[in-house]
């Protein structure tokens, strides 16, 4: 969770997009994608890419 929070905070502070380089066809990364989508709901991402 902390790394998603860090990404959102840095994207907001820098004005740069937050990019998660994850491949949905790799089983482990597919699980991470699910977690990212869940954890992003805990943060205000208004105005972020």
Protein backbone atom coordinates (compact mmCIF):
# COMPACT_ATOMS: atom_id res chain seq x y z
CA UNK A 1 0.00 0.00 0.00
CA UNK A 2 2.77 2.42 0.85
CA UNK A 3 4.30 2.23 -2.62
CA UNK A 4 0.95 3.18 -4.21
CA UNK A 5 0.63 6.09 -1.78
CA UNK A 6 4.20 7.13 -2.61
CA UNK A 7 3.47 7.02 -6.35
CA UNK A 8 0.34 9.16 -5.96
CA UNK A 9 2.14 11.66 -3.73
CA UNK A 10 5.12 11.97 -6.08
CA UNK A 11 2.89 12.32 -9.13
CA UNK A 12 0.93 15.08 -7.43
CA UNK A 13 4.06 16.91 -6.20
CA UNK A 14 5.97 16.64 -9.48
CA UNK A 15 3.09 17.11 -11.91
CA UNK A 16 4.29 14.01 -13.75
CA UNK A 17 2.21 10.90 -14.50
CA UNK A 18 2.38 7.91 -12.19
CA UNK A 19 3.27 4.87 -14.28
CA UNK A 20 3.08 1.30 -13.03
CA UNK A 21 4.99 -0.87 -15.51
CA UNK A 22 3.12 -4.12 -15.00
CA UNK A 23 2.36 -6.85 -17.52
CA UNK A 24 -1.10 -8.41 -17.06
CA UNK A 25 0.11 -11.61 -18.78
CA UNK A 26 2.63 -12.33 -16.03
CA UNK A 27 0.82 -14.01 -13.12
CA UNK A 28 2.62 -12.18 -10.32
CA UNK A 29 2.25 -8.80 -12.00
CA UNK A 30 -1.42 -9.51 -12.69
CA UNK A 31 -1.91 -9.87 -8.92
CA UNK A 32 -0.06 -6.58 -8.39
CA UNK A 33 -2.37 -4.85 -10.88
CA UNK A 34 -5.36 -5.99 -8.83
CA UNK A 35 -3.76 -4.56 -5.69
CA UNK A 36 -2.89 -1.26 -7.37
CA UNK A 37 -6.48 -0.84 -8.57
CA UNK A 38 -7.76 -1.56 -5.06
CA UNK A 39 -5.27 0.71 -3.27
CA UNK A 40 -5.75 3.62 -5.69
CA UNK A 41 -9.34 3.89 -4.45
CA UNK A 42 -7.91 4.99 -1.07
CA UNK A 43 -6.33 8.11 -2.61
CA UNK A 44 -7.51 11.27 -4.31
CA UNK A 45 -6.29 10.84 -7.89
CA UNK A 46 -8.28 13.76 -9.29
CA UNK A 47 -6.22 15.49 -11.96
CA UNK A 48 -3.55 12.78 -12.10
CA UNK A 49 -2.66 10.62 -15.10
